[in-house]
Amino acid sequence: MTLIATKDLTVKYGQNVVLKNISLDVQAGEIVTIVGPNGSGKTSLVKTIIGALTPDSGSLQIKKNLRIGYIPQRLNIDHTLPMTVQRFLNLTQ
């Protein structure tokens, strides 16, 4: 049973092509490892699969109700939150 399938997937940041014509099939029970040098598009591929990026061309199919866990490389935490009511009211000043 195919869980994830891509065909000719291409992703760009502006005019910069980071993934070009990527095709893969992930079957139930398979363990998949994505390896490559820095900047080769590993994170962009995963972000596209989880829906955080939209492919510019090609197709992406994910089995209905498939749950995918993802832990980002960097977690951007806004240390100004949670915000107190007093601080919120002072934002307009």
PDB file of N, CA and C in Angstrom:
ATOM      1  N   MET A   1       0.843  -1.179   0.000  1.00  0.00           N
ATOM      2  CA  MET A   1       0.000   0.000   0.000  1.00  0.00           C
ATOM      3  C   MET A   1       0.888   1.241   0.000  1.00  0.00           C
ATOM      4  N   THR A   2       0.661   2.128  -0.934  1.00  0.00           N
ATOM      5  CA  THR A   2       1.436   3.361  -1.032  1.00  0.00           C
ATOM      6  C   THR A   2       0.918   4.379  -0.022  1.00  0.00           C
ATOM      7  N   LEU A   3       1.835   4.907   0.805  1.00  0.00           N
ATOM      8  CA  LEU A   3       1.479   5.929   1.782  1.00  0.00           C
ATOM      9  C   LEU A   3       1.742   7.331   1.245  1.00  0.00           C
ATOM     10  N   ILE A   4       2.883   7.494   0.581  1.00  0.00           N
ATOM     11  CA  ILE A   4       3.274   8.785   0.010  1.00  0.00           C
ATOM     12  C   ILE A   4       3.816   8.534  -1.389  1.00  0.00           C
ATOM     13  N   ALA A   5       3.370   9.333  -2.343  1.00  0.00           N
ATOM     14  CA  ALA A   5       3.886   9.216  -3.710  1.00  0.00           C
ATOM     15  C   ALA A   5       4.085  10.616  -4.280  1.00  0.00           C
ATOM     16  N   THR A   6       5.254  10.835  -4.868  1.00  0.00           N
ATOM     17  CA  THR A   6       5.492  12.072  -5.602  1.00  0.00           C
ATOM     18  C   THR A   6       5.898  11.703  -7.019  1.00  0.00           C
ATOM     19  N   LYS A   7       5.549  12.560  -7.946  1.00  0.00           N
ATOM     20  CA  LYS A   7       5.953  12.347  -9.335  1.00  0.00           C
ATOM     21  C   LYS A   7       6.362  13.687  -9.924  1.00  0.00           C
ATOM     22  N   ASP A   8       7.606  13.753 -10.366  1.00  0.00           N
ATOM     23  CA  ASP A   8       8.151  14.963 -11.001  1.00  0.00           C
ATOM     24  C   ASP A   8       7.924  16.215 -10.153  1.00  0.00           C
ATOM     25  N   LEU A   9       8.093  16.084  -8.843  1.00  0.00           N
ATOM     26  CA  LEU A   9       7.867  17.181  -7.902  1.00  0.00           C
ATOM     27  C   LEU A   9       8.975  18.228  -8.041  1.00  0.00           C
ATOM     28  N   THR A  10       8.579  19.476  -8.219  1.00  0.00           N
ATOM     29  CA  THR A  10       9.527  20.585  -8.301  1.00  0.00           C
ATOM     30  C   THR A  10       9.105  21.661  -7.310  1.00  0.00           C
ATOM     31  N   VAL A  11      10.084  22.169  -6.556  1.00  0.00           N
ATOM     32  CA  VAL A  11       9.837  23.221  -5.568  1.00  0.00           C
ATOM     33  C   VAL A  11      10.855  24.328  -5.795  1.00  0.00           C
ATOM     34  N   LYS A  12      10.356  25.565  -5.767  1.00  0.00           N
ATOM     35  CA  LYS A  12      11.224  26.733  -5.950  1.00  0.00           C
ATOM     36  C   LYS A  12      11.029  27.692  -4.787  1.00  0.00           C
ATOM     37  N   TYR A  13      12.095  28.416  -4.469  1.00  0.00           N
ATOM     38  CA  TYR A  13      12.018  29.593  -3.612  1.00  0.00           C
ATOM     39  C   TYR A  13      12.289  30.772  -4.536  1.00  0.00           C
ATOM     40  N   GLY A  14      11.244  31.479  -4.922  1.00  0.00           N
ATOM     41  CA  GLY A  14      11.397  32.514  -5.936  1.00  0.00           C
ATOM     42  C   GLY A  14      11.773  31.863  -7.256  1.00  0.00           C
ATOM     43  N   GLN A  15      12.893  32.271  -7.828  1.00  0.00           N
ATOM     44  CA  GLN A  15      13.372  31.667  -9.076  1.00  0.00           C
ATOM     45  C   GLN A  15      14.371  30.537  -8.822  1.00  0.00           C
ATOM     46  N   ASN A  16      14.740  30.320  -7.553  1.00  0.00           N
ATOM     47  CA  ASN A  16      15.730  29.309  -7.192  1.00  0.00           C
ATOM     48  C   ASN A  16      15.070  27.932  -7.070  1.00  0.00           C
ATOM     49  N   VAL A  17      15.412  27.022  -7.960  1.00  0.00           N
ATOM     50  CA  VAL A  17      14.863  25.663  -7.934  1.00  0.00           C
ATOM     51  C   VAL A  17      15.621  24.858  -6.885  1.00  0.00           C
ATOM     52  N   VAL A  18      14.903  24.366  -5.863  1.00  0.00           N
ATOM     53  CA  VAL A  18      15.560  23.579  -4.811  1.00  0.00           C
ATOM     54  C   VAL A  18      15.292  22.086  -4.957  1.00  0.00           C
ATOM     55  N   LEU A  19      14.187  21.724  -5.582  1.00  0.00           N
ATOM     56  CA  LEU A  19      13.879  20.326  -5.899  1.00  0.00           C
ATOM     57  C   LEU A  19      13.405  20.282  -7.341  1.00  0.00           C
ATOM     58  N   LYS A  20      13.919  19.338  -8.107  1.00  0.00           N
ATOM     59  CA  LYS A  20      13.529  19.270  -9.513  1.00  0.00           C
ATOM     60  C   LYS A  20      13.219  17.825  -9.892  1.00  0.00           C
ATOM     61  N   ASN A  21      11.974  17.606 -10.309  1.00  0.00           N
ATOM     62  CA  ASN A  21      11.520  16.308 -10.831  1.00  0.00           C
ATOM     63  C   ASN A  21      11.782  15.144  -9.872  1.00  0.00           C
ATOM     64  N   ILE A  22      11.403  15.322  -8.600  1.00  0.00           N
ATOM     65  CA  ILE A  22      11.585  14.279  -7.589  1.00  0.00           C
ATOM     66  C   ILE A  22      10.404  13.319  -7.646  1.00  0.00           C
ATOM     67  N   SER A  23      10.702  12.046  -7.827  1.00  0.00           N
ATOM     68  CA  SER A  23       9.668  11.008  -7.826  1.00  0.00           C
ATOM     69  C   SER A  23      10.039   9.964  -6.784  1.00  0.00           C
ATOM     70  N   LEU A  24       9.072   9.626  -5.936  1.00  0.00           N
ATOM     71  CA  LEU A  24       9.305   8.585  -4.936  1.00  0.00           C
ATOM     72  C   LEU A  24       7.984   7.963  -4.524  1.00  0.00           C
ATOM     73  N   ASP A  25       8.071   6.751  -4.028  1.00  0.00           N
ATOM     74  CA  ASP A  25       6.925   6.037  -3.462  1.00  0.00           C
ATOM     75  C   ASP A  25       7.355   5.478  -2.122  1.00  0.00           C
ATOM     76  N   VAL A  26       6.564   5.744  -1.089  1.00  0.00           N
ATOM     77  CA  VAL A  26       6.818   5.183   0.230  1.00  0.00           C
ATOM     78  C   VAL A  26       5.697   4.197   0.513  1.00  0.00           C
ATOM     79  N   GLN A  27       6.075   2.952   0.704  1.00  0.00           N
ATOM     80  CA  GLN A  27       5.110   1.880   0.941  1.00  0.00           C
ATOM     81  C   GLN A  27       4.971   1.613   2.436  1.00  0.00           C
ATOM     82  N   ALA A  28       3.829   1.091   2.842  1.00  0.00           N
ATOM     83  CA  ALA A  28       3.605   0.716   4.237  1.00  0.00           C
ATOM     84  C   ALA A  28       4.694  -0.262   4.668  1.00  0.00           C
ATOM     85  N   GLY A  29       5.238  -0.045   5.854  1.00  0.00           N
ATOM     86  CA  GLY A  29       6.262  -0.928   6.398  1.00  0.00           C
ATOM     87  C   GLY A  29       7.680  -0.542   6.032  1.00  0.00           C
ATOM     88  N   GLU A  30       7.847   0.388   5.106  1.00  0.00           N
ATOM     89  CA  GLU A  30       9.188   0.816   4.713  1.00  0.00           C
ATOM     90  C   GLU A  30       9.747   1.833   5.702  1.00  0.00           C
ATOM     91  N   ILE A  31      11.052   1.801   5.871  1.00  0.00           N
ATOM     92  CA  ILE A  31      11.765   2.833   6.610  1.00  0.00           C
ATOM     93  C   ILE A  31      12.534   3.640   5.574  1.00  0.00           C
ATOM     94  N   VAL A  32      12.297   4.941   5.559  1.00  0.00           N
ATOM     95  CA  VAL A  32      12.905   5.808   4.551  1.00  0.00           C
ATOM     96  C   VAL A  32      13.849   6.785   5.240  1.00  0.00           C
ATOM     97  N   THR A  33      15.052   6.886   4.719  1.00  0.00           N
ATOM     98  CA  THR A  33      16.033   7.846   5.213  1.00  0.00           C
ATOM     99  C   THR A  33      16.385   8.793   4.077  1.00  0.00           C
ATOM    100  N   ILE A  34      16.326  10.081   4.357  1.00  0.00           N
ATOM    101  CA  ILE A  34      16.673  11.086   3.354  1.00  0.00           C
ATOM    102  C   ILE A  34      18.035  11.651   3.735  1.00  0.00           C
ATOM    103  N   VAL A  35      19.024  11.424   2.892  1.00  0.00           N
ATOM    104  CA  VAL A  35      20.383  11.885   3.178  1.00  0.00           C
ATOM    105  C   VAL A  35      20.883  12.756   2.031  1.00  0.00           C
ATOM    106  N   GLY A  36      21.797  13.645   2.351  1.00  0.00           N
ATOM    107  CA  GLY A  36      22.403  14.494   1.337  1.00  0.00           C
ATOM    108  C   GLY A  36      23.142  15.630   1.998  1.00  0.00           C
ATOM    109  N   PRO A  37      23.948  16.334   1.234  1.00  0.00           N
ATOM    110  CA  PRO A  37      24.713  17.451   1.795  1.00  0.00           C
ATOM    111  C   PRO A  37      23.800  18.615   2.182  1.00  0.00           C
ATOM    112  N   ASN A  38      24.338  19.521   2.987  1.00  0.00           N
ATOM    113  CA  ASN A  38      23.597  20.726   3.357  1.00  0.00           C
ATOM    114  C   ASN A  38      23.162  21.465   2.101  1.00  0.00           C
ATOM    115  N   GLY A  39      21.919  21.932   2.114  1.00  0.00           N
ATOM    116  CA  GLY A  39      21.414  22.701   0.985  1.00  0.00           C
ATOM    117  C   GLY A  39      20.936  21.881  -0.191  1.00  0.00           C
ATOM    118  N   SER A  40      20.850  20.563  -0.023  1.00  0.00           N
ATOM    119  CA  SER A  40      20.451  19.722  -1.158  1.00  0.00           C
ATOM    120  C   SER A  40      18.938  19.573  -1.299  1.00  0.00           C
ATOM    121  N   GLY A  41      18.160  20.101  -0.329  1.00  0.00           N
ATOM    122  CA  GLY A  41      16.706  20.070  -0.456  1.00  0.00           C
ATOM    123  C   GLY A  41      15.992  19.061   0.425  1.00  0.00           C
ATOM    124  N   LYS A  42      16.692  18.440   1.362  1.00  0.00           N
ATOM    125  CA  LYS A  42      16.058  17.436   2.233  1.00  0.00           C
ATOM    126  C   LYS A  42      14.897  18.037   3.024  1.00  0.00           C
ATOM    127  N   THR A  43      15.153  19.161   3.670  1.00  0.00           N
ATOM    128  CA  THR A  43      14.112  19.802   4.472  1.00  0.00           C
ATOM    129  C   THR A  43      12.981  20.305   3.588  1.00  0.00           C
ATOM    130  N   SER A  44      13.310  20.841   2.429  1.00  0.00           N
ATOM    131  CA  SER A  44      12.268  21.311   1.507  1.00  0.00           C
ATOM    132  C   SER A  44      11.380  20.156   1.059  1.00  0.00           C
ATOM    133  N   LEU A  45      11.963  18.990   0.834  1.00  0.00           N
ATOM    134  CA  LEU A  45      11.170  17.820   0.457  1.00  0.00           C
ATOM    135  C   LEU A  45      10.212  17.438   1.575  1.00  0.00           C
ATOM    136  N   VAL A  46      10.725  17.357   2.794  1.00  0.00           N
ATOM    137  CA  VAL A  46       9.870  16.977   3.924  1.00  0.00           C
ATOM    138  C   VAL A  46       8.794  18.029   4.150  1.00  0.00           C
ATOM    139  N   LYS A  47       9.152  19.302   4.093  1.00  0.00           N
ATOM    140  CA  LYS A  47       8.157  20.364   4.281  1.00  0.00           C
ATOM    141  C   LYS A  47       7.080  20.318   3.200  1.00  0.00           C
ATOM    142  N   THR A  48       7.444  19.939   1.998  1.00  0.00           N
ATOM    143  CA  THR A  48       6.454  19.803   0.928  1.00  0.00           C
ATOM    144  C   THR A  48       5.532  18.630   1.213  1.00  0.00           C
ATOM    145  N   ILE A  49       6.082  17.531   1.671  1.00  0.00           N
ATOM    146  CA  ILE A  49       5.266  16.349   1.968  1.00  0.00           C
ATOM    147  C   ILE A  49       4.274  16.634   3.091  1.00  0.00           C
ATOM    148  N   ILE A  50       4.688  17.399   4.111  1.00  0.00           N
ATOM    149  CA  ILE A  50       3.773  17.673   5.227  1.00  0.00           C
ATOM    150  C   ILE A  50       2.849  18.854   4.950  1.00  0.00           C
ATOM    151  N   GLY A  51       3.024  19.511   3.807  1.00  0.00           N
ATOM    152  CA  GLY A  51       2.121  20.598   3.433  1.00  0.00           C
ATOM    153  C   GLY A  51       2.574  21.978   3.849  1.00  0.00           C
ATOM    154  N   ALA A  52       3.780  22.109   4.385  1.00  0.00           N
ATOM    155  CA  ALA A  52       4.285  23.420   4.782  1.00  0.00           C
ATOM    156  C   ALA A  52       4.785  24.220   3.582  1.00  0.00           C
ATOM    157  N   LEU A  53       5.114  23.539   2.491  1.00  0.00           N
ATOM    158  CA  LEU A  53       5.482  24.182   1.227  1.00  0.00           C
ATOM    159  C   LEU A  53       4.579  23.634   0.130  1.00  0.00           C
ATOM    160  N   THR A  54       4.319  24.457  -0.861  1.00  0.00           N
ATOM    161  CA  THR A  54       3.498  24.042  -1.995  1.00  0.00           C
ATOM    162  C   THR A  54       4.401  23.757  -3.186  1.00  0.00           C
ATOM    163  N   PRO A  55       4.251  22.588  -3.807  1.00  0.00           N
ATOM    164  CA  PRO A  55       5.082  22.305  -4.978  1.00  0.00           C
ATOM    165  C   PRO A  55       4.731  23.243  -6.133  1.00  0.00           C
ATOM    166  N   ASP A  56       5.741  23.596  -6.913  1.00  0.00           N
ATOM    167  CA  ASP A  56       5.521  24.438  -8.088  1.00  0.00           C
ATOM    168  C   ASP A  56       5.017  23.625  -9.266  1.00  0.00           C
ATOM    169  N   SER A  57       5.399  22.357  -9.311  1.00  0.00           N
ATOM    170  CA  SER A  57       4.877  21.461 -10.344  1.00  0.00           C
ATOM    171  C   SER A  57       5.040  20.028  -9.869  1.00  0.00           C
ATOM    172  N   GLY A  58       4.441  19.115 -10.619  1.00  0.00           N
ATOM    173  CA  GLY A  58       4.463  17.708 -10.244  1.00  0.00           C
ATOM    174  C   GLY A  58       3.277  17.365  -9.364  1.00  0.00           C
ATOM    175  N   SER A  59       3.262  16.135  -8.892  1.00  0.00           N
ATOM    176  CA  SER A  59       2.134  15.695  -8.068  1.00  0.00           C
ATOM    177  C   SER A  59       2.626  15.109  -6.755  1.00  0.00           C
ATOM    178  N   LEU A  60       1.777  15.238  -5.754  1.00  0.00           N
ATOM    179  CA  LEU A  60       2.030  14.695  -4.422  1.00  0.00           C
ATOM    180  C   LEU A  60       0.746  14.045  -3.949  1.00  0.00           C
ATOM    181  N   GLN A  61       0.828  12.772  -3.611  1.00  0.00           N
ATOM    182  CA  GLN A  61      -0.334  12.052  -3.092  1.00  0.00           C
ATOM    183  C   GLN A  61       0.033  11.454  -1.743  1.00  0.00           C
ATOM    184  N   ILE A  62      -0.849  11.670  -0.774  1.00  0.00           N
ATOM    185  CA  ILE A  62      -0.648  11.139   0.569  1.00  0.00           C
ATOM    186  C   ILE A  62      -1.899  10.369   0.951  1.00  0.00           C
ATOM    187  N   LYS A  63      -1.696   9.178   1.497  1.00  0.00           N
ATOM    188  CA  LYS A  63      -2.823   8.336   1.903  1.00  0.00           C
ATOM    189  C   LYS A  63      -3.721   9.112   2.865  1.00  0.00           C
ATOM    190  N   LYS A  64      -5.003   9.021   2.645  1.00  0.00           N
ATOM    191  CA  LYS A  64      -5.978   9.710   3.481  1.00  0.00           C
ATOM    192  C   LYS A  64      -5.793   9.299   4.939  1.00  0.00           C
ATOM    193  N   ASN A  65      -5.855  10.288   5.828  1.00  0.00           N
ATOM    194  CA  ASN A  65      -5.738  10.110   7.276  1.00  0.00           C
ATOM    195  C   ASN A  65      -4.355   9.649   7.726  1.00  0.00           C
ATOM    196  N   LEU A  66      -3.341   9.750   6.864  1.00  0.00           N
ATOM    197  CA  LEU A  66      -1.979   9.411   7.264  1.00  0.00           C
ATOM    198  C   LEU A  66      -1.460  10.493   8.203  1.00  0.00           C
ATOM    199  N   ARG A  67      -0.913  10.074   9.325  1.00  0.00           N
ATOM    200  CA  ARG A  67      -0.332  11.024  10.275  1.00  0.00           C
ATOM    201  C   ARG A  67       1.182  11.007  10.107  1.00  0.00           C
ATOM    202  N   ILE A  68       1.743  12.190   9.929  1.00  0.00           N
ATOM    203  CA  ILE A  68       3.182  12.337   9.749  1.00  0.00           C
ATOM    204  C   ILE A  68       3.702  13.227  10.867  1.00  0.00           C
ATOM    205  N   GLY A  69       4.685  12.748  11.606  1.00  0.00           N
ATOM    206  CA  GLY A  69       5.327  13.548  12.647  1.00  0.00           C
ATOM    207  C   GLY A  69       6.536  14.258  12.069  1.00  0.00           C
ATOM    208  N   TYR A  70       6.736  15.501  12.473  1.00  0.00           N
ATOM    209  CA  TYR A  70       7.865  16.278  11.964  1.00  0.00           C
ATOM    210  C   TYR A  70       8.384  17.171  13.075  1.00  0.00           C
ATOM    211  N   ILE A  71       9.683  17.130  13.301  1.00  0.00           N
ATOM    212  CA  ILE A  71      10.334  18.023  14.256  1.00  0.00           C
ATOM    213  C   ILE A  71      11.263  18.921  13.449  1.00  0.00           C
ATOM    214  N   PRO A  72      11.019  20.232  13.446  1.00  0.00           N
ATOM    215  CA  PRO A  72      11.841  21.125  12.627  1.00  0.00           C
ATOM    216  C   PRO A  72      13.278  21.206  13.132  1.00  0.00           C
ATOM    217  N   GLN A  73      14.191  21.562  12.225  1.00  0.00           N
ATOM    218  CA  GLN A  73      15.598  21.729  12.593  1.00  0.00           C
ATOM    219  C   GLN A  73      15.765  22.852  13.597  1.00  0.00           C
ATOM    220  N   ARG A  74      15.035  23.921  13.385  1.00  0.00           N
ATOM    221  CA  ARG A  74      15.085  25.073  14.283  1.00  0.00           C
ATOM    222  C   ARG A  74      13.662  25.389  14.708  1.00  0.00           C
ATOM    223  N   LEU A  75      13.496  25.595  15.996  1.00  0.00           N
ATOM    224  CA  LEU A  75      12.183  25.941  16.517  1.00  0.00           C
ATOM    225  C   LEU A  75      12.189  27.425  16.847  1.00  0.00           C
ATOM    226  N   ASN A  76      11.394  28.184  16.135  1.00  0.00           N
ATOM    227  CA  ASN A  76      11.322  29.627  16.364  1.00  0.00           C
ATOM    228  C   ASN A  76      10.268  29.911  17.418  1.00  0.00           C
ATOM    229  N   ILE A  77      10.720  30.228  18.607  1.00  0.00           N
ATOM    230  CA  ILE A  77       9.812  30.516  19.714  1.00  0.00           C
ATOM    231  C   ILE A  77       9.802  32.021  19.943  1.00  0.00           C
ATOM    232  N   ASP A  78       8.623  32.578  19.996  1.00  0.00           N
ATOM    233  CA  ASP A  78       8.483  33.998  20.296  1.00  0.00           C
ATOM    234  C   ASP A  78       8.484  34.147  21.812  1.00  0.00           C
ATOM    235  N   HIS A  79       9.607  34.618  22.348  1.00  0.00           N
ATOM    236  CA  HIS A  79       9.756  34.711  23.799  1.00  0.00           C
ATOM    237  C   HIS A  79       8.969  35.872  24.387  1.00  0.00           C
ATOM    238  N   THR A  80       8.322  36.673  23.543  1.00  0.00           N
ATOM    239  CA  THR A  80       7.485  37.751  24.063  1.00  0.00           C
ATOM    240  C   THR A  80       6.069  37.253  24.357  1.00  0.00           C
ATOM    241  N   LEU A  81       5.809  36.000  24.057  1.00  0.00           N
ATOM    242  CA  LEU A  81       4.489  35.416  24.328  1.00  0.00           C
ATOM    243  C   LEU A  81       4.622  34.329  25.386  1.00  0.00           C
ATOM    244  N   PRO A  82       3.658  34.060  26.212  1.00  0.00           N
ATOM    245  CA  PRO A  82       2.371  34.765  26.276  1.00  0.00           C
ATOM    246  C   PRO A  82       2.567  36.200  26.761  1.00  0.00           C
ATOM    247  N   MET A  83       1.587  37.003  26.449  1.00  0.00           N
ATOM    248  CA  MET A  83       1.660  38.428  26.723  1.00  0.00           C
ATOM    249  C   MET A  83       0.650  38.783  27.812  1.00  0.00           C
ATOM    250  N   THR A  84       1.066  39.661  28.719  1.00  0.00           N
ATOM    251  CA  THR A  84       0.136  40.119  29.749  1.00  0.00           C
ATOM    252  C   THR A  84      -0.840  41.120  29.132  1.00  0.00           C
ATOM    253  N   VAL A  85      -1.967  41.289  29.779  1.00  0.00           N
ATOM    254  CA  VAL A  85      -2.959  42.256  29.305  1.00  0.00           C
ATOM    255  C   VAL A  85      -2.355  43.657  29.307  1.00  0.00           C
ATOM    256  N   GLN A  86      -1.617  43.979  30.358  1.00  0.00           N
ATOM    257  CA  GLN A  86      -1.003  45.310  30.446  1.00  0.00           C
ATOM    258  C   GLN A  86      -0.043  45.548  29.282  1.00  0.00           C
ATOM    259  N   ARG A  87       0.772  44.556  28.956  1.00  0.00           N
ATOM    260  CA  ARG A  87       1.721  44.708  27.843  1.00  0.00           C
ATOM    261  C   ARG A  87       0.967  44.860  26.520  1.00  0.00           C
ATOM    262  N   PHE A  88      -0.114  44.095  26.354  1.00  0.00           N
ATOM    263  CA  PHE A  88      -0.925  44.195  25.139  1.00  0.00           C
ATOM    264  C   PHE A  88      -1.493  45.602  24.989  1.00  0.00           C
ATOM    265  N   LEU A  89      -2.023  46.156  26.076  1.00  0.00           N
ATOM    266  CA  LEU A  89      -2.600  47.499  26.028  1.00  0.00           C
ATOM    267  C   LEU A  89      -1.541  48.553  25.729  1.00  0.00           C
ATOM    268  N   ASN A  90      -0.303  48.308  26.141  1.00  0.00           N
ATOM    269  CA  ASN A  90       0.786  49.264  25.901  1.00  0.00           C
ATOM    270  C   ASN A  90       1.311  49.213  24.470  1.00  0.00           C
ATOM    271  N   LEU A  91       0.924  48.221  23.686  1.00  0.00           N
ATOM    272  CA  LEU A  91       1.407  48.103  22.312  1.00  0.00           C
ATOM    273  C   LEU A  91       0.956  49.264  21.440  1.00  0.00           C
ATOM    274  N   THR A  92      -0.167  49.870  21.763  1.00  0.00           N
ATOM    275  CA  THR A  92      -0.703  50.947  20.930  1.00  0.00           C
ATOM    276  C   THR A  92      -0.083  52.296  21.264  1.00  0.00           C
ATOM    277  N   GLN A  93       0.746  52.346  22.263  1.00  0.00           N
ATOM    278  CA  GLN A  93       1.331  53.633  22.677  1.00  0.00           C
ATOM    279  C   GLN A  93       2.646  53.880  21.999  1.00  0.00           C
TER     280      GLN A  93
END
